[in-house]
Amino acid sequence: MNVRRVVTGHTPDGKAVVASDAAVEPFTFGDGGAYHVLWGSDVPARFPDDGSAPAWTAPFPPVGGHRFLLMTIPPASSRDAGDQLADQLEASLGDIMEKDAPGMHRTATIDYEVVLAGTIGLELDDGTEVLLSPGDVVVQNGTRHRWHNRGTEPATMAVIILGAHHAAA
């Protein structure tokens, strides 16, 4: 998927402008998997601003921070797509992903996910799995979960992640 990000900002006198308009290169994994990290910050936004990309330090935001990304999970193959995702993200998310349950994780965040294409399985810690199709929305309240794509086509979600307080994460 080719992803274009258009960012607005303000001139010094407060006029709205297009601050940037460019393609976003993905972090890729497996056979067709991709993360397009679109925007993020570790602190709440303040306006007016010039539209420059805010600084952030970790994959998941602290309280008051946010992330915005597109996630494409490749179709199932000889290995489960959740295992492929876990393998590829292990280096950067090693403290989040569970080693004894590939792909399973819990974060101190509230996540809003919208399925754009394909079918995605959301598995919870008790084994419950919900199949999601285009237009379906998930509000992920800091629960232990993992994602699957057991279909034959890539599945893509838009994801907004907000930092939250979590006693168990």
N, C-alpha and C. Protein backbone atom coordinates (compact mmCIF):
# COMPACT_ATOMS: atom_id res chain seq x y z
N MET A 1 0.85 -1.17 0.00
CA MET A 1 0.00 0.00 0.00
C MET A 1 0.90 1.24 0.00
N ASN A 2 0.63 2.15 -0.89
CA ASN A 2 1.31 3.43 -0.89
C ASN A 2 0.55 4.37 0.03
N VAL A 3 1.25 4.94 1.00
CA VAL A 3 0.61 5.82 1.98
C VAL A 3 1.20 7.22 1.85
N ARG A 4 0.32 8.17 1.70
CA ARG A 4 0.70 9.59 1.60
C ARG A 4 0.18 10.30 2.85
N ARG A 5 1.04 11.09 3.49
CA ARG A 5 0.66 11.85 4.68
C ARG A 5 0.73 13.34 4.36
N VAL A 6 -0.40 14.01 4.55
CA VAL A 6 -0.47 15.46 4.40
C VAL A 6 -0.63 16.03 5.80
N VAL A 7 0.27 16.95 6.17
CA VAL A 7 0.27 17.54 7.51
C VAL A 7 0.06 19.04 7.37
N THR A 8 -0.86 19.57 8.17
CA THR A 8 -1.08 21.01 8.18
C THR A 8 -0.36 21.64 9.37
N GLY A 9 -0.21 22.93 9.29
CA GLY A 9 0.42 23.70 10.36
C GLY A 9 0.00 25.15 10.23
N HIS A 10 0.77 26.02 10.86
CA HIS A 10 0.44 27.45 10.88
C HIS A 10 1.68 28.28 10.56
N THR A 11 1.47 29.39 9.88
CA THR A 11 2.55 30.36 9.70
C THR A 11 2.72 31.11 11.02
N PRO A 12 3.79 31.90 11.16
CA PRO A 12 3.97 32.68 12.39
C PRO A 12 2.79 33.62 12.70
N ASP A 13 2.07 34.06 11.66
CA ASP A 13 0.92 34.93 11.92
C ASP A 13 -0.40 34.16 12.06
N GLY A 14 -0.33 32.80 12.10
CA GLY A 14 -1.49 31.97 12.39
C GLY A 14 -2.27 31.47 11.20
N LYS A 15 -1.81 31.71 9.97
CA LYS A 15 -2.50 31.23 8.78
C LYS A 15 -2.25 29.73 8.60
N ALA A 16 -3.30 28.99 8.23
CA ALA A 16 -3.18 27.56 7.99
C ALA A 16 -2.41 27.29 6.70
N VAL A 17 -1.49 26.32 6.75
CA VAL A 17 -0.69 25.95 5.58
C VAL A 17 -0.50 24.44 5.56
N VAL A 18 -0.14 23.91 4.39
CA VAL A 18 0.30 22.53 4.28
C VAL A 18 1.78 22.52 4.65
N ALA A 19 2.10 21.89 5.77
CA ALA A 19 3.48 21.87 6.26
C ALA A 19 4.31 20.79 5.58
N SER A 20 3.67 19.67 5.22
CA SER A 20 4.38 18.62 4.50
C SER A 20 3.37 17.76 3.75
N ASP A 21 3.85 17.14 2.68
CA ASP A 21 3.03 16.28 1.84
C ASP A 21 4.00 15.26 1.24
N ALA A 22 4.02 14.05 1.82
CA ALA A 22 5.04 13.08 1.40
C ALA A 22 4.57 11.65 1.65
N ALA A 23 5.20 10.74 0.94
CA ALA A 23 4.95 9.31 1.15
C ALA A 23 5.56 8.89 2.49
N VAL A 24 4.93 7.91 3.12
CA VAL A 24 5.45 7.34 4.37
C VAL A 24 5.89 5.92 4.07
N GLU A 25 7.15 5.64 4.27
CA GLU A 25 7.69 4.30 4.04
C GLU A 25 7.35 3.40 5.23
N PRO A 26 6.95 2.17 4.96
CA PRO A 26 6.57 1.27 6.05
C PRO A 26 7.76 0.51 6.62
N PHE A 27 7.56 0.03 7.83
CA PHE A 27 8.39 -1.02 8.41
C PHE A 27 7.70 -2.30 7.96
N THR A 28 8.39 -3.18 7.25
CA THR A 28 7.76 -4.37 6.68
C THR A 28 8.14 -5.63 7.45
N PHE A 29 7.26 -6.63 7.39
CA PHE A 29 7.52 -7.93 8.02
C PHE A 29 6.74 -9.00 7.28
N GLY A 30 7.21 -10.24 7.39
CA GLY A 30 6.53 -11.37 6.78
C GLY A 30 6.36 -11.17 5.28
N ASP A 31 5.36 -11.79 4.72
CA ASP A 31 5.06 -11.71 3.30
C ASP A 31 3.89 -10.76 3.09
N GLY A 32 4.17 -9.46 3.12
CA GLY A 32 3.13 -8.46 2.88
C GLY A 32 2.69 -7.71 4.11
N GLY A 33 3.34 -7.93 5.24
CA GLY A 33 2.98 -7.19 6.45
C GLY A 33 3.68 -5.84 6.48
N ALA A 34 3.02 -4.84 7.08
CA ALA A 34 3.61 -3.51 7.13
C ALA A 34 3.04 -2.69 8.27
N TYR A 35 3.90 -1.87 8.85
CA TYR A 35 3.51 -0.81 9.80
C TYR A 35 3.87 0.50 9.15
N HIS A 36 2.89 1.37 8.96
CA HIS A 36 3.15 2.74 8.54
C HIS A 36 2.95 3.61 9.77
N VAL A 37 4.03 4.08 10.36
CA VAL A 37 3.94 4.98 11.51
C VAL A 37 3.68 6.37 10.95
N LEU A 38 2.50 6.90 11.20
CA LEU A 38 2.07 8.14 10.57
C LEU A 38 2.33 9.39 11.40
N TRP A 39 2.19 9.28 12.72
CA TRP A 39 2.35 10.46 13.57
C TRP A 39 2.42 10.00 15.00
N GLY A 40 2.99 10.79 15.85
CA GLY A 40 3.03 10.47 17.27
C GLY A 40 3.67 11.57 18.07
N SER A 41 3.39 11.56 19.35
CA SER A 41 3.98 12.51 20.29
C SER A 41 3.91 11.90 21.68
N ASP A 42 4.85 12.30 22.51
CA ASP A 42 4.82 11.85 23.91
C ASP A 42 4.08 12.83 24.81
N VAL A 43 3.67 13.98 24.27
CA VAL A 43 2.98 15.01 25.05
C VAL A 43 1.74 15.48 24.28
N PRO A 44 0.77 16.09 24.97
CA PRO A 44 -0.40 16.61 24.27
C PRO A 44 0.01 17.68 23.25
N ALA A 45 -0.75 17.77 22.16
CA ALA A 45 -0.48 18.77 21.13
C ALA A 45 -0.81 20.17 21.64
N ARG A 46 -0.08 21.16 21.11
CA ARG A 46 -0.33 22.58 21.42
C ARG A 46 -0.33 23.33 20.10
N PHE A 47 -1.35 24.17 19.92
CA PHE A 47 -1.48 24.93 18.68
C PHE A 47 -1.57 26.42 18.98
N PRO A 48 -1.19 27.28 18.06
CA PRO A 48 -0.72 26.95 16.73
C PRO A 48 0.70 26.37 16.75
N ASP A 49 1.00 25.56 15.75
CA ASP A 49 2.35 25.04 15.57
C ASP A 49 2.68 25.09 14.09
N ASP A 50 3.92 24.77 13.75
CA ASP A 50 4.32 24.86 12.35
C ASP A 50 4.11 23.57 11.58
N GLY A 51 3.58 22.53 12.22
CA GLY A 51 3.32 21.27 11.54
C GLY A 51 4.49 20.31 11.51
N SER A 52 5.57 20.65 12.22
CA SER A 52 6.73 19.76 12.30
C SER A 52 6.36 18.50 13.09
N ALA A 53 6.96 17.39 12.71
CA ALA A 53 6.70 16.13 13.41
C ALA A 53 7.19 16.23 14.86
N PRO A 54 6.32 15.91 15.83
CA PRO A 54 6.73 15.94 17.23
C PRO A 54 7.73 14.84 17.55
N ALA A 55 8.49 15.04 18.59
CA ALA A 55 9.42 14.02 19.06
C ALA A 55 8.66 12.99 19.89
N TRP A 56 9.08 11.73 19.77
CA TRP A 56 8.56 10.69 20.64
C TRP A 56 9.64 9.64 20.81
N THR A 57 9.53 8.83 21.87
CA THR A 57 10.67 8.02 22.28
C THR A 57 10.48 6.51 22.24
N ALA A 58 9.24 6.04 22.25
CA ALA A 58 9.00 4.60 22.34
C ALA A 58 7.81 4.22 21.46
N PRO A 59 7.68 2.94 21.10
CA PRO A 59 6.56 2.53 20.24
C PRO A 59 5.18 2.85 20.83
N PHE A 60 5.05 2.74 22.16
CA PHE A 60 3.77 3.02 22.79
C PHE A 60 3.89 4.30 23.60
N PRO A 61 2.87 5.17 23.54
CA PRO A 61 2.98 6.49 24.18
C PRO A 61 2.76 6.46 25.68
N PRO A 62 3.37 7.43 26.38
CA PRO A 62 3.07 7.61 27.80
C PRO A 62 1.72 8.31 27.95
N VAL A 63 1.25 8.43 29.18
CA VAL A 63 0.01 9.16 29.44
C VAL A 63 0.15 10.56 28.85
N GLY A 64 -0.84 10.97 28.10
CA GLY A 64 -0.81 12.27 27.43
C GLY A 64 -0.26 12.20 26.02
N GLY A 65 0.40 11.09 25.66
CA GLY A 65 0.96 10.94 24.32
C GLY A 65 0.02 10.15 23.41
N HIS A 66 0.39 10.09 22.13
CA HIS A 66 -0.43 9.39 21.15
C HIS A 66 0.43 8.86 20.01
N ARG A 67 -0.11 7.88 19.29
CA ARG A 67 0.49 7.34 18.07
C ARG A 67 -0.63 7.12 17.07
N PHE A 68 -0.28 7.24 15.78
CA PHE A 68 -1.22 6.97 14.70
C PHE A 68 -0.49 6.15 13.66
N LEU A 69 -1.07 5.00 13.28
CA LEU A 69 -0.40 4.13 12.32
C LEU A 69 -1.41 3.33 11.51
N LEU A 70 -0.92 2.78 10.42
CA LEU A 70 -1.66 1.79 9.66
C LEU A 70 -0.92 0.47 9.86
N MET A 71 -1.65 -0.59 10.12
CA MET A 71 -1.04 -1.91 10.32
C MET A 71 -1.66 -2.87 9.32
N THR A 72 -0.82 -3.50 8.49
CA THR A 72 -1.27 -4.52 7.56
C THR A 72 -0.67 -5.86 7.99
N ILE A 73 -1.54 -6.82 8.25
CA ILE A 73 -1.12 -8.16 8.65
C ILE A 73 -1.24 -9.06 7.44
N PRO A 74 -0.16 -9.76 7.08
CA PRO A 74 -0.21 -10.62 5.89
C PRO A 74 -1.13 -11.82 6.13
N PRO A 75 -1.59 -12.43 5.03
CA PRO A 75 -2.43 -13.62 5.18
C PRO A 75 -1.65 -14.77 5.81
N ALA A 76 -2.40 -15.69 6.39
CA ALA A 76 -1.78 -16.85 7.03
C ALA A 76 -0.98 -17.65 6.00
N SER A 77 0.10 -18.22 6.47
CA SER A 77 0.93 -19.06 5.61
C SER A 77 1.32 -20.28 6.43
N SER A 78 2.50 -20.82 6.20
CA SER A 78 2.92 -21.98 6.97
C SER A 78 3.11 -21.64 8.44
N ARG A 79 3.34 -20.36 8.73
CA ARG A 79 3.41 -19.88 10.11
C ARG A 79 2.29 -18.89 10.33
N ASP A 80 1.77 -18.83 11.51
CA ASP A 80 0.71 -17.90 11.84
C ASP A 80 1.19 -16.47 11.69
N ALA A 81 0.38 -15.60 11.13
CA ALA A 81 0.75 -14.21 10.92
C ALA A 81 1.09 -13.52 12.24
N GLY A 82 0.40 -13.89 13.31
CA GLY A 82 0.72 -13.31 14.62
C GLY A 82 2.13 -13.64 15.05
N ASP A 83 2.59 -14.88 14.76
CA ASP A 83 3.97 -15.26 15.07
C ASP A 83 4.95 -14.45 14.22
N GLN A 84 4.64 -14.24 12.93
CA GLN A 84 5.50 -13.43 12.07
C GLN A 84 5.63 -12.01 12.61
N LEU A 85 4.50 -11.44 12.99
CA LEU A 85 4.50 -10.09 13.53
C LEU A 85 5.34 -10.04 14.81
N ALA A 86 5.14 -11.00 15.69
CA ALA A 86 5.90 -11.03 16.94
C ALA A 86 7.39 -11.15 16.68
N ASP A 87 7.78 -12.02 15.74
CA ASP A 87 9.19 -12.19 15.42
C ASP A 87 9.81 -10.89 14.93
N GLN A 88 9.12 -10.19 14.04
CA GLN A 88 9.66 -8.97 13.46
C GLN A 88 9.72 -7.82 14.46
N LEU A 89 8.78 -7.78 15.39
CA LEU A 89 8.74 -6.68 16.35
C LEU A 89 9.50 -6.98 17.64
N GLU A 90 9.99 -8.20 17.78
CA GLU A 90 10.65 -8.62 19.02
C GLU A 90 11.77 -7.66 19.43
N ALA A 91 12.57 -7.22 18.46
CA ALA A 91 13.71 -6.36 18.79
C ALA A 91 13.24 -5.04 19.40
N SER A 92 12.21 -4.42 18.81
CA SER A 92 11.78 -3.12 19.31
C SER A 92 10.73 -3.21 20.41
N LEU A 93 9.99 -4.32 20.48
CA LEU A 93 8.93 -4.46 21.47
C LEU A 93 9.16 -5.64 22.40
N GLY A 94 10.41 -6.04 22.56
CA GLY A 94 10.73 -7.22 23.36
C GLY A 94 10.18 -7.18 24.76
N ASP A 95 10.07 -5.98 25.35
CA ASP A 95 9.54 -5.88 26.70
C ASP A 95 8.02 -5.92 26.73
N ILE A 96 7.36 -5.81 25.59
CA ILE A 96 5.90 -5.84 25.51
C ILE A 96 5.40 -7.22 25.10
N MET A 97 6.02 -7.80 24.06
CA MET A 97 5.58 -9.08 23.53
C MET A 97 5.97 -10.23 24.47
N GLU A 98 5.05 -11.17 24.64
CA GLU A 98 5.30 -12.31 25.51
C GLU A 98 6.06 -13.40 24.76
N LYS A 99 7.16 -13.84 25.31
CA LYS A 99 7.98 -14.86 24.64
C LYS A 99 7.31 -16.23 24.59
N ASP A 100 6.53 -16.57 25.61
CA ASP A 100 5.89 -17.89 25.64
C ASP A 100 4.54 -17.92 24.93
N ALA A 101 4.07 -16.77 24.45
CA ALA A 101 2.81 -16.69 23.71
C ALA A 101 3.00 -15.67 22.59
N PRO A 102 3.64 -16.08 21.46
CA PRO A 102 3.99 -15.15 20.40
C PRO A 102 2.84 -14.25 19.96
N GLY A 103 3.13 -12.94 19.93
CA GLY A 103 2.14 -11.95 19.52
C GLY A 103 1.28 -11.43 20.64
N MET A 104 1.17 -12.17 21.74
CA MET A 104 0.34 -11.74 22.86
C MET A 104 1.04 -10.59 23.58
N HIS A 105 0.26 -9.55 23.92
CA HIS A 105 0.83 -8.39 24.59
C HIS A 105 -0.26 -7.58 25.28
N ARG A 106 0.17 -6.70 26.19
CA ARG A 106 -0.71 -5.76 26.88
C ARG A 106 0.08 -4.46 27.02
N THR A 107 -0.57 -3.35 26.77
CA THR A 107 0.09 -2.05 26.89
C THR A 107 -0.74 -1.12 27.76
N ALA A 108 -0.10 -0.11 28.29
CA ALA A 108 -0.78 0.92 29.08
C ALA A 108 -1.32 1.97 28.12
N THR A 109 -2.28 1.53 27.29
CA THR A 109 -2.86 2.41 26.28
C THR A 109 -4.33 2.08 26.06
N ILE A 110 -5.04 3.03 25.49
CA ILE A 110 -6.35 2.76 24.91
C ILE A 110 -6.14 2.90 23.41
N ASP A 111 -6.55 1.88 22.68
CA ASP A 111 -6.31 1.83 21.24
C ASP A 111 -7.65 1.84 20.51
N TYR A 112 -7.73 2.66 19.47
CA TYR A 112 -8.90 2.70 18.59
C TYR A 112 -8.46 2.13 17.25
N GLU A 113 -9.09 1.03 16.83
CA GLU A 113 -8.70 0.35 15.60
C GLU A 113 -9.91 0.24 14.68
N VAL A 114 -9.70 0.58 13.41
CA VAL A 114 -10.74 0.48 12.40
C VAL A 114 -10.22 -0.43 11.29
N VAL A 115 -10.93 -1.51 11.00
CA VAL A 115 -10.52 -2.41 9.93
C VAL A 115 -10.89 -1.75 8.60
N LEU A 116 -9.87 -1.61 7.75
CA LEU A 116 -10.06 -0.99 6.44
C LEU A 116 -10.20 -2.02 5.32
N ALA A 117 -9.50 -3.15 5.44
CA ALA A 117 -9.52 -4.18 4.40
C ALA A 117 -9.21 -5.53 5.02
N GLY A 118 -9.76 -6.59 4.44
CA GLY A 118 -9.46 -7.94 4.90
C GLY A 118 -10.22 -8.32 6.15
N THR A 119 -9.85 -9.46 6.72
CA THR A 119 -10.45 -9.97 7.95
C THR A 119 -9.36 -10.20 8.97
N ILE A 120 -9.54 -9.64 10.15
CA ILE A 120 -8.55 -9.73 11.22
C ILE A 120 -9.19 -10.39 12.42
N GLY A 121 -8.45 -11.29 13.06
CA GLY A 121 -8.92 -11.92 14.29
C GLY A 121 -8.27 -11.25 15.49
N LEU A 122 -9.09 -10.85 16.45
CA LEU A 122 -8.62 -10.32 17.73
C LEU A 122 -8.78 -11.43 18.75
N GLU A 123 -7.65 -11.91 19.30
CA GLU A 123 -7.68 -12.98 20.30
C GLU A 123 -7.37 -12.39 21.67
N LEU A 124 -8.21 -12.71 22.66
CA LEU A 124 -8.00 -12.25 24.03
C LEU A 124 -7.33 -13.35 24.85
N ASP A 125 -6.93 -13.01 26.07
CA ASP A 125 -6.13 -13.94 26.86
C ASP A 125 -6.85 -15.23 27.23
N ASP A 126 -8.19 -15.26 27.20
CA ASP A 126 -8.90 -16.49 27.52
C ASP A 126 -9.16 -17.35 26.29
N GLY A 127 -8.60 -16.95 25.11
CA GLY A 127 -8.77 -17.70 23.88
C GLY A 127 -9.95 -17.23 23.04
N THR A 128 -10.76 -16.34 23.58
CA THR A 128 -11.86 -15.78 22.79
C THR A 128 -11.29 -15.06 21.58
N GLU A 129 -11.87 -15.33 20.42
CA GLU A 129 -11.44 -14.65 19.20
C GLU A 129 -12.66 -14.04 18.51
N VAL A 130 -12.51 -12.77 18.13
CA VAL A 130 -13.55 -12.05 17.42
C VAL A 130 -13.02 -11.75 16.03
N LEU A 131 -13.78 -12.14 14.97
CA LEU A 131 -13.38 -11.84 13.61
C LEU A 131 -13.92 -10.47 13.23
N LEU A 132 -13.05 -9.65 12.66
CA LEU A 132 -13.37 -8.27 12.32
C LEU A 132 -13.25 -8.08 10.82
N SER A 133 -14.19 -7.34 10.24
CA SER A 133 -14.23 -7.08 8.80
C SER A 133 -14.19 -5.58 8.56
N PRO A 134 -14.01 -5.16 7.29
CA PRO A 134 -13.96 -3.73 7.00
C PRO A 134 -15.14 -2.98 7.59
N GLY A 135 -14.82 -1.87 8.24
CA GLY A 135 -15.83 -1.05 8.92
C GLY A 135 -15.97 -1.37 10.39
N ASP A 136 -15.50 -2.54 10.83
CA ASP A 136 -15.57 -2.88 12.25
C ASP A 136 -14.55 -2.05 13.03
N VAL A 137 -14.92 -1.70 14.25
CA VAL A 137 -14.09 -0.87 15.12
C VAL A 137 -13.86 -1.60 16.43
N VAL A 138 -12.62 -1.51 16.93
CA VAL A 138 -12.28 -2.08 18.24
C VAL A 138 -11.82 -0.95 19.14
N VAL A 139 -12.32 -0.94 20.38
CA VAL A 139 -11.81 -0.06 21.41
C VAL A 139 -11.07 -0.98 22.37
N GLN A 140 -9.75 -0.94 22.32
CA GLN A 140 -8.89 -1.85 23.08
C GLN A 140 -8.50 -1.15 24.39
N ASN A 141 -9.08 -1.60 25.50
CA ASN A 141 -8.90 -0.97 26.80
C ASN A 141 -7.79 -1.62 27.62
N GLY A 142 -6.57 -1.61 27.10
CA GLY A 142 -5.43 -2.13 27.84
C GLY A 142 -5.48 -3.62 28.12
N THR A 143 -6.22 -4.38 27.29
CA THR A 143 -6.36 -5.81 27.53
C THR A 143 -5.22 -6.60 26.89
N ARG A 144 -4.98 -7.79 27.42
CA ARG A 144 -3.99 -8.72 26.85
C ARG A 144 -4.61 -9.32 25.60
N HIS A 145 -3.88 -9.23 24.46
CA HIS A 145 -4.44 -9.67 23.19
C HIS A 145 -3.35 -9.93 22.16
N ARG A 146 -3.76 -10.49 21.03
CA ARG A 146 -2.91 -10.61 19.84
C ARG A 146 -3.82 -10.58 18.62
N TRP A 147 -3.19 -10.31 17.46
CA TRP A 147 -3.89 -10.22 16.19
C TRP A 147 -3.55 -11.41 15.30
N HIS A 148 -4.53 -11.86 14.50
CA HIS A 148 -4.33 -12.95 13.54
C HIS A 148 -4.93 -12.55 12.20
N ASN A 149 -4.36 -13.10 11.14
CA ASN A 149 -4.98 -13.05 9.83
C ASN A 149 -4.93 -14.47 9.29
N ARG A 150 -6.02 -15.19 9.41
CA ARG A 150 -6.07 -16.57 8.94
C ARG A 150 -6.68 -16.66 7.54
N GLY A 151 -6.89 -15.50 6.91
CA GLY A 151 -7.47 -15.46 5.58
C GLY A 151 -6.42 -15.61 4.49
N THR A 152 -6.81 -15.26 3.29
CA THR A 152 -5.92 -15.38 2.13
C THR A 152 -5.48 -14.04 1.58
N GLU A 153 -5.97 -12.94 2.13
CA GLU A 153 -5.63 -11.59 1.68
C GLU A 153 -5.06 -10.78 2.84
N PRO A 154 -4.20 -9.79 2.56
CA PRO A 154 -3.73 -8.92 3.63
C PRO A 154 -4.91 -8.21 4.30
N ALA A 155 -4.75 -7.91 5.57
CA ALA A 155 -5.78 -7.19 6.33
C ALA A 155 -5.14 -5.93 6.91
N THR A 156 -5.83 -4.79 6.75
CA THR A 156 -5.27 -3.51 7.18
C THR A 156 -6.20 -2.81 8.16
N MET A 157 -5.59 -2.23 9.20
CA MET A 157 -6.32 -1.44 10.19
C MET A 157 -5.66 -0.07 10.34
N ALA A 158 -6.48 0.94 10.57
CA ALA A 158 -5.99 2.24 11.04
C ALA A 158 -6.03 2.17 12.56
N VAL A 159 -4.95 2.62 13.21
CA VAL A 159 -4.83 2.47 14.66
C VAL A 159 -4.42 3.81 15.29
N ILE A 160 -5.16 4.23 16.30
CA ILE A 160 -4.82 5.39 17.10
C ILE A 160 -4.59 4.89 18.51
N ILE A 161 -3.43 5.22 19.09
CA ILE A 161 -3.04 4.71 20.41
C ILE A 161 -2.84 5.90 21.34
N LEU A 162 -3.52 5.89 22.48
CA LEU A 162 -3.41 6.95 23.47
C LEU A 162 -2.84 6.38 24.76
N GLY A 163 -1.85 7.05 25.32
CA GLY A 163 -1.27 6.60 26.59
C GLY A 163 -2.30 6.65 27.71
N ALA A 164 -2.28 5.66 28.60
CA ALA A 164 -3.25 5.56 29.69
C ALA A 164 -2.56 4.99 30.92
N HIS A 165 -3.20 5.18 32.05
CA HIS A 165 -2.73 4.56 33.29
C HIS A 165 -3.21 3.11 33.30
N HIS A 166 -2.34 2.18 33.67
CA HIS A 166 -2.72 0.76 33.70
C HIS A 166 -1.97 0.11 34.86
N ALA A 167 -2.68 -0.42 35.83
CA ALA A 167 -2.04 -1.01 37.01
C ALA A 167 -1.23 -2.27 36.68
N ALA A 168 -1.60 -3.00 35.60
CA ALA A 168 -0.96 -4.27 35.30
C ALA A 168 0.09 -4.19 34.21
N ALA A 169 0.23 -3.06 33.55
CA ALA A 169 1.18 -2.98 32.42
C ALA A 169 2.48 -2.32 32.83
